[in-house]
Amino acid sequence: MKIRYFNDTDTALIAFSAFAAVETKEISEKLYIDLDENGNIVSMTIEYAKENANISEISFVQMEKALSY
């Protein structure tokens, strides 16, 4: 996974795979997902990322076990 942030447009691009996107779906006015030919998510674009996704602080934690609910 790669996260790219474009400060000039306050846009975040989160790439989940290197597969080619064949379709973009608008989830909301400021959130888009790109899908591959099998319908799997390739990437997600978040416009106005500081406001909508708190992109100014990113952390990553890999969990060893699945959480039980």
PDB file of N, CA and C in Angstrom:
ATOM      1  N   MET A   1       0.853  -1.167   0.000  1.00  0.00           N
ATOM      2  CA  MET A   1       0.000   0.000   0.000  1.00  0.00           C
ATOM      3  C   MET A   1       0.898   1.229   0.000  1.00  0.00           C
ATOM      4  N   LYS A   2       0.495   2.216  -0.782  1.00  0.00           N
ATOM      5  CA  LYS A   2       1.209   3.493  -0.832  1.00  0.00           C
ATOM      6  C   LYS A   2       0.199   4.610  -0.633  1.00  0.00           C
ATOM      7  N   ILE A   3       0.594   5.589   0.150  1.00  0.00           N
ATOM      8  CA  ILE A   3      -0.241   6.772   0.354  1.00  0.00           C
ATOM      9  C   ILE A   3       0.522   7.966  -0.188  1.00  0.00           C
ATOM     10  N   ARG A   4      -0.121   8.672  -1.104  1.00  0.00           N
ATOM     11  CA  ARG A   4       0.476   9.888  -1.654  1.00  0.00           C
ATOM     12  C   ARG A   4      -0.432  11.056  -1.277  1.00  0.00           C
ATOM     13  N   TYR A   5       0.197  12.134  -0.820  1.00  0.00           N
ATOM     14  CA  TYR A   5      -0.562  13.324  -0.459  1.00  0.00           C
ATOM     15  C   TYR A   5      -0.081  14.479  -1.310  1.00  0.00           C
ATOM     16  N   PHE A   6      -1.029  15.173  -1.943  1.00  0.00           N
ATOM     17  CA  PHE A   6      -0.730  16.315  -2.796  1.00  0.00           C
ATOM     18  C   PHE A   6      -1.168  17.580  -2.066  1.00  0.00           C
ATOM     19  N   ASN A   7      -0.197  18.283  -1.504  1.00  0.00           N
ATOM     20  CA  ASN A   7      -0.481  19.448  -0.672  1.00  0.00           C
ATOM     21  C   ASN A   7      -1.193  20.555  -1.444  1.00  0.00           C
ATOM     22  N   ASP A   8      -0.836  20.745  -2.704  1.00  0.00           N
ATOM     23  CA  ASP A   8      -1.419  21.845  -3.474  1.00  0.00           C
ATOM     24  C   ASP A   8      -2.919  21.689  -3.698  1.00  0.00           C
ATOM     25  N   THR A   9      -3.421  20.453  -3.702  1.00  0.00           N
ATOM     26  CA  THR A   9      -4.856  20.226  -3.894  1.00  0.00           C
ATOM     27  C   THR A   9      -5.528  19.592  -2.676  1.00  0.00           C
ATOM     28  N   ASP A  10      -4.744  19.336  -1.623  1.00  0.00           N
ATOM     29  CA  ASP A  10      -5.232  18.682  -0.399  1.00  0.00           C
ATOM     30  C   ASP A  10      -5.946  17.373  -0.760  1.00  0.00           C
ATOM     31  N   THR A  11      -5.264  16.581  -1.593  1.00  0.00           N
ATOM     32  CA  THR A  11      -5.820  15.312  -2.064  1.00  0.00           C
ATOM     33  C   THR A  11      -4.917  14.164  -1.634  1.00  0.00           C
ATOM     34  N   ALA A  12      -5.517  13.090  -1.150  1.00  0.00           N
ATOM     35  CA  ALA A  12      -4.772  11.890  -0.796  1.00  0.00           C
ATOM     36  C   ALA A  12      -5.141  10.780  -1.768  1.00  0.00           C
ATOM     37  N   LEU A  13      -4.140  10.041  -2.214  1.00  0.00           N
ATOM     38  CA  LEU A  13      -4.340   8.883  -3.072  1.00  0.00           C
ATOM     39  C   LEU A  13      -3.762   7.684  -2.346  1.00  0.00           C
ATOM     40  N   ILE A  14      -4.607   6.724  -2.047  1.00  0.00           N
ATOM     41  CA  ILE A  14      -4.179   5.505  -1.359  1.00  0.00           C
ATOM     42  C   ILE A  14      -4.241   4.376  -2.375  1.00  0.00           C
ATOM     43  N   ALA A  15      -3.073   3.843  -2.729  1.00  0.00           N
ATOM     44  CA  ALA A  15      -2.982   2.757  -3.708  1.00  0.00           C
ATOM     45  C   ALA A  15      -2.871   1.436  -2.957  1.00  0.00           C
ATOM     46  N   PHE A  16      -3.792   0.533  -3.225  1.00  0.00           N
ATOM     47  CA  PHE A  16      -3.815  -0.765  -2.569  1.00  0.00           C
ATOM     48  C   PHE A  16      -3.113  -1.838  -3.386  1.00  0.00           C
ATOM     49  N   SER A  17      -3.040  -1.661  -4.693  1.00  0.00           N
ATOM     50  CA  SER A  17      -2.375  -2.641  -5.557  1.00  0.00           C
ATOM     51  C   SER A  17      -1.843  -1.928  -6.789  1.00  0.00           C
ATOM     52  N   ALA A  18      -1.074  -2.655  -7.572  1.00  0.00           N
ATOM     53  CA  ALA A  18      -0.499  -2.097  -8.792  1.00  0.00           C
ATOM     54  C   ALA A  18      -1.307  -2.475 -10.033  1.00  0.00           C
ATOM     55  N   PHE A  19      -2.451  -3.126  -9.839  1.00  0.00           N
ATOM     56  CA  PHE A  19      -3.290  -3.501 -10.976  1.00  0.00           C
ATOM     57  C   PHE A  19      -3.876  -2.255 -11.631  1.00  0.00           C
ATOM     58  N   ALA A  20      -4.160  -2.352 -12.899  1.00  0.00           N
ATOM     59  CA  ALA A  20      -4.737  -1.233 -13.643  1.00  0.00           C
ATOM     60  C   ALA A  20      -6.203  -1.044 -13.261  1.00  0.00           C
ATOM     61  N   ALA A  21      -6.573   0.200 -13.071  1.00  0.00           N
ATOM     62  CA  ALA A  21      -7.972   0.531 -12.792  1.00  0.00           C
ATOM     63  C   ALA A  21      -8.732   0.615 -14.107  1.00  0.00           C
ATOM     64  N   VAL A  22      -9.930   0.030 -14.124  1.00  0.00           N
ATOM     65  CA  VAL A  22     -10.761   0.088 -15.328  1.00  0.00           C
ATOM     66  C   VAL A  22     -12.060   0.847 -15.071  1.00  0.00           C
ATOM     67  N   GLU A  23     -12.323   1.156 -13.795  1.00  0.00           N
ATOM     68  CA  GLU A  23     -13.567   1.863 -13.451  1.00  0.00           C
ATOM     69  C   GLU A  23     -13.348   2.687 -12.198  1.00  0.00           C
ATOM     70  N   THR A  24     -13.905   3.879 -12.188  1.00  0.00           N
ATOM     71  CA  THR A  24     -13.885   4.738 -11.003  1.00  0.00           C
ATOM     72  C   THR A  24     -15.320   4.926 -10.541  1.00  0.00           C
ATOM     73  N   LYS A  25     -15.536   4.725  -9.245  1.00  0.00           N
ATOM     74  CA  LYS A  25     -16.867   4.925  -8.668  1.00  0.00           C
ATOM     75  C   LYS A  25     -16.815   6.075  -7.668  1.00  0.00           C
ATOM     76  N   GLU A  26     -17.790   6.959  -7.759  1.00  0.00           N
ATOM     77  CA  GLU A  26     -17.917   8.061  -6.805  1.00  0.00           C
ATOM     78  C   GLU A  26     -18.705   7.541  -5.608  1.00  0.00           C
ATOM     79  N   ILE A  27     -18.057   7.485  -4.465  1.00  0.00           N
ATOM     80  CA  ILE A  27     -18.699   7.032  -3.242  1.00  0.00           C
ATOM     81  C   ILE A  27     -19.445   8.196  -2.598  1.00  0.00           C
ATOM     82  N   SER A  28     -18.817   9.354  -2.610  1.00  0.00           N
ATOM     83  CA  SER A  28     -19.456  10.590  -2.167  1.00  0.00           C
ATOM     84  C   SER A  28     -18.821  11.724  -2.972  1.00  0.00           C
ATOM     85  N   GLU A  29     -19.220  12.937  -2.693  1.00  0.00           N
ATOM     86  CA  GLU A  29     -18.722  14.078  -3.459  1.00  0.00           C
ATOM     87  C   GLU A  29     -17.204  14.224  -3.386  1.00  0.00           C
ATOM     88  N   LYS A  30     -16.571  13.711  -2.326  1.00  0.00           N
ATOM     89  CA  LYS A  30     -15.133  13.892  -2.134  1.00  0.00           C
ATOM     90  C   LYS A  30     -14.374  12.580  -1.983  1.00  0.00           C
ATOM     91  N   LEU A  31     -15.007  11.456  -2.308  1.00  0.00           N
ATOM     92  CA  LEU A  31     -14.382  10.145  -2.145  1.00  0.00           C
ATOM     93  C   LEU A  31     -14.653   9.277  -3.370  1.00  0.00           C
ATOM     94  N   TYR A  32     -13.573   8.758  -3.963  1.00  0.00           N
ATOM     95  CA  TYR A  32     -13.675   7.942  -5.170  1.00  0.00           C
ATOM     96  C   TYR A  32     -12.856   6.666  -4.986  1.00  0.00           C
ATOM     97  N   ILE A  33     -13.328   5.559  -5.549  1.00  0.00           N
ATOM     98  CA  ILE A  33     -12.541   4.332  -5.559  1.00  0.00           C
ATOM     99  C   ILE A  33     -12.341   3.879  -6.997  1.00  0.00           C
ATOM    100  N   ASP A  34     -11.183   3.320  -7.249  1.00  0.00           N
ATOM    101  CA  ASP A  34     -10.861   2.754  -8.548  1.00  0.00           C
ATOM    102  C   ASP A  34     -10.870   1.241  -8.419  1.00  0.00           C
ATOM    103  N   LEU A  35     -11.487   0.583  -9.401  1.00  0.00           N
ATOM    104  CA  LEU A  35     -11.624  -0.868  -9.385  1.00  0.00           C
ATOM    105  C   LEU A  35     -10.898  -1.480 -10.575  1.00  0.00           C
ATOM    106  N   ASP A  36     -10.395  -2.715 -10.377  1.00  0.00           N
ATOM    107  CA  ASP A  36      -9.767  -3.432 -11.488  1.00  0.00           C
ATOM    108  C   ASP A  36     -10.833  -4.184 -12.285  1.00  0.00           C
ATOM    109  N   GLU A  37     -10.416  -4.966 -13.252  1.00  0.00           N
ATOM    110  CA  GLU A  37     -11.370  -5.654 -14.131  1.00  0.00           C
ATOM    111  C   GLU A  37     -12.205  -6.696 -13.405  1.00  0.00           C
ATOM    112  N   ASN A  38     -11.765  -7.122 -12.202  1.00  0.00           N
ATOM    113  CA  ASN A  38     -12.517  -8.098 -11.415  1.00  0.00           C
ATOM    114  C   ASN A  38     -13.366  -7.452 -10.325  1.00  0.00           C
ATOM    115  N   GLY A  39     -13.380  -6.118 -10.281  1.00  0.00           N
ATOM    116  CA  GLY A  39     -14.163  -5.413  -9.279  1.00  0.00           C
ATOM    117  C   GLY A  39     -13.459  -5.223  -7.956  1.00  0.00           C
ATOM    118  N   ASN A  40     -12.164  -5.539  -7.893  1.00  0.00           N
ATOM    119  CA  ASN A  40     -11.384  -5.353  -6.670  1.00  0.00           C
ATOM    120  C   ASN A  40     -10.877  -3.925  -6.584  1.00  0.00           C
ATOM    121  N   ILE A  41     -10.795  -3.400  -5.370  1.00  0.00           N
ATOM    122  CA  ILE A  41     -10.340  -2.027  -5.191  1.00  0.00           C
ATOM    123  C   ILE A  41      -8.849  -1.917  -5.482  1.00  0.00           C
ATOM    124  N   VAL A  42      -8.494  -0.928  -6.293  1.00  0.00           N
ATOM    125  CA  VAL A  42      -7.112  -0.659  -6.663  1.00  0.00           C
ATOM    126  C   VAL A  42      -6.607   0.541  -5.881  1.00  0.00           C
ATOM    127  N   SER A  43      -7.429   1.585  -5.800  1.00  0.00           N
ATOM    128  CA  SER A  43      -7.026   2.796  -5.093  1.00  0.00           C
ATOM    129  C   SER A  43      -8.240   3.589  -4.638  1.00  0.00           C
ATOM    130  N   MET A  44      -7.971   4.547  -3.758  1.00  0.00           N
ATOM    131  CA  MET A  44      -9.013   5.427  -3.234  1.00  0.00           C
ATOM    132  C   MET A  44      -8.467   6.849  -3.253  1.00  0.00           C
ATOM    133  N   THR A  45      -9.268   7.776  -3.715  1.00  0.00           N
ATOM    134  CA  THR A  45      -8.899   9.190  -3.734  1.00  0.00           C
ATOM    135  C   THR A  45      -9.791   9.942  -2.763  1.00  0.00           C
ATOM    136  N   ILE A  46      -9.164  10.740  -1.897  1.00  0.00           N
ATOM    137  CA  ILE A  46      -9.893  11.546  -0.924  1.00  0.00           C
ATOM    138  C   ILE A  46      -9.570  13.006  -1.196  1.00  0.00           C
ATOM    139  N   GLU A  47     -10.558  13.758  -1.609  1.00  0.00           N
ATOM    140  CA  GLU A  47     -10.383  15.192  -1.822  1.00  0.00           C
ATOM    141  C   GLU A  47     -10.598  15.918  -0.497  1.00  0.00           C
ATOM    142  N   TYR A  48      -9.901  17.037  -0.319  1.00  0.00           N
ATOM    143  CA  TYR A  48      -9.926  17.803   0.932  1.00  0.00           C
ATOM    144  C   TYR A  48      -9.594  16.873   2.106  1.00  0.00           C
ATOM    145  N   ALA A  49      -8.479  16.185   1.960  1.00  0.00           N
ATOM    146  CA  ALA A  49      -8.098  15.103   2.873  1.00  0.00           C
ATOM    147  C   ALA A  49      -7.839  15.568   4.301  1.00  0.00           C
ATOM    148  N   LYS A  50      -7.305  16.751   4.493  1.00  0.00           N
ATOM    149  CA  LYS A  50      -7.068  17.229   5.865  1.00  0.00           C
ATOM    150  C   LYS A  50      -8.385  17.371   6.617  1.00  0.00           C
ATOM    151  N   GLU A  51      -9.384  17.892   5.936  1.00  0.00           N
ATOM    152  CA  GLU A  51     -10.699  18.111   6.549  1.00  0.00           C
ATOM    153  C   GLU A  51     -11.494  16.815   6.668  1.00  0.00           C
ATOM    154  N   ASN A  52     -11.462  15.979   5.638  1.00  0.00           N
ATOM    155  CA  ASN A  52     -12.337  14.812   5.577  1.00  0.00           C
ATOM    156  C   ASN A  52     -11.741  13.521   6.114  1.00  0.00           C
ATOM    157  N   ALA A  53     -10.409  13.442   6.224  1.00  0.00           N
ATOM    158  CA  ALA A  53      -9.799  12.176   6.631  1.00  0.00           C
ATOM    159  C   ALA A  53      -8.694  12.343   7.668  1.00  0.00           C
ATOM    160  N   ASN A  54      -8.545  13.534   8.223  1.00  0.00           N
ATOM    161  CA  ASN A  54      -7.495  13.793   9.214  1.00  0.00           C
ATOM    162  C   ASN A  54      -6.149  13.271   8.716  1.00  0.00           C
ATOM    163  N   ILE A  55      -5.831  13.565   7.471  1.00  0.00           N
ATOM    164  CA  ILE A  55      -4.629  13.052   6.820  1.00  0.00           C
ATOM    165  C   ILE A  55      -3.349  13.632   7.419  1.00  0.00           C
ATOM    166  N   SER A  56      -3.456  14.657   8.236  1.00  0.00           N
ATOM    167  CA  SER A  56      -2.256  15.252   8.817  1.00  0.00           C
ATOM    168  C   SER A  56      -1.578  14.317   9.816  1.00  0.00           C
ATOM    169  N   GLU A  57      -2.295  13.285  10.279  1.00  0.00           N
ATOM    170  CA  GLU A  57      -1.696  12.315  11.192  1.00  0.00           C
ATOM    171  C   GLU A  57      -2.033  10.909  10.712  1.00  0.00           C
ATOM    172  N   ILE A  58      -1.007  10.187  10.275  1.00  0.00           N
ATOM    173  CA  ILE A  58      -1.192   8.825   9.778  1.00  0.00           C
ATOM    174  C   ILE A  58      -0.364   7.882  10.628  1.00  0.00           C
ATOM    175  N   SER A  59      -0.959   6.765  10.996  1.00  0.00           N
ATOM    176  CA  SER A  59      -0.207   5.736  11.706  1.00  0.00           C
ATOM    177  C   SER A  59      -0.572   4.376  11.124  1.00  0.00           C
ATOM    178  N   PHE A  60       0.310   3.426  11.324  1.00  0.00           N
ATOM    179  CA  PHE A  60       0.106   2.078  10.816  1.00  0.00           C
ATOM    180  C   PHE A  60       0.407   1.098  11.946  1.00  0.00           C
ATOM    181  N   VAL A  61      -0.522   0.201  12.205  1.00  0.00           N
ATOM    182  CA  VAL A  61      -0.333  -0.817  13.229  1.00  0.00           C
ATOM    183  C   VAL A  61      -0.728  -2.155  12.625  1.00  0.00           C
ATOM    184  N   GLN A  62       0.195  -3.095  12.640  1.00  0.00           N
ATOM    185  CA  GLN A  62      -0.123  -4.434  12.143  1.00  0.00           C
ATOM    186  C   GLN A  62      -0.509  -5.301  13.329  1.00  0.00           C
ATOM    187  N   MET A  63      -1.730  -5.831  13.275  1.00  0.00           N
ATOM    188  CA  MET A  63      -2.252  -6.628  14.368  1.00  0.00           C
ATOM    189  C   MET A  63      -1.892  -8.091  14.129  1.00  0.00           C
ATOM    190  N   GLU A  64      -1.503  -8.771  15.180  1.00  0.00           N
ATOM    191  CA  GLU A  64      -1.110 -10.179  15.076  1.00  0.00           C
ATOM    192  C   GLU A  64      -2.310 -11.101  15.081  1.00  0.00           C
ATOM    193  N   LYS A  65      -3.378 -10.732  15.800  1.00  0.00           N
ATOM    194  CA  LYS A  65      -4.578 -11.559  15.881  1.00  0.00           C
ATOM    195  C   LYS A  65      -5.787 -10.731  15.499  1.00  0.00           C
ATOM    196  N   ALA A  66      -6.772 -11.389  14.986  1.00  0.00           N
ATOM    197  CA  ALA A  66      -8.033 -10.695  14.684  1.00  0.00           C
ATOM    198  C   ALA A  66      -8.714 -10.338  15.993  1.00  0.00           C
ATOM    199  N   LEU A  67      -9.344  -9.192  16.014  1.00  0.00           N
ATOM    200  CA  LEU A  67     -10.061  -8.762  17.203  1.00  0.00           C
ATOM    201  C   LEU A  67     -11.369  -9.537  17.359  1.00  0.00           C
ATOM    202  N   SER A  68     -11.708  -9.884  18.565  1.00  0.00           N
ATOM    203  CA  SER A  68     -12.980 -10.566  18.852  1.00  0.00           C
ATOM    204  C   SER A  68     -13.977  -9.531  19.318  1.00  0.00           C
ATOM    205  N   TYR A  69     -15.181  -9.616  18.809  1.00  0.00           N
ATOM    206  CA  TYR A  69     -16.223  -8.670  19.210  1.00  0.00           C
ATOM    207  C   TYR A  69     -17.302  -9.375  19.981  1.00  0.00           C
TER     208      TYR A  69
END
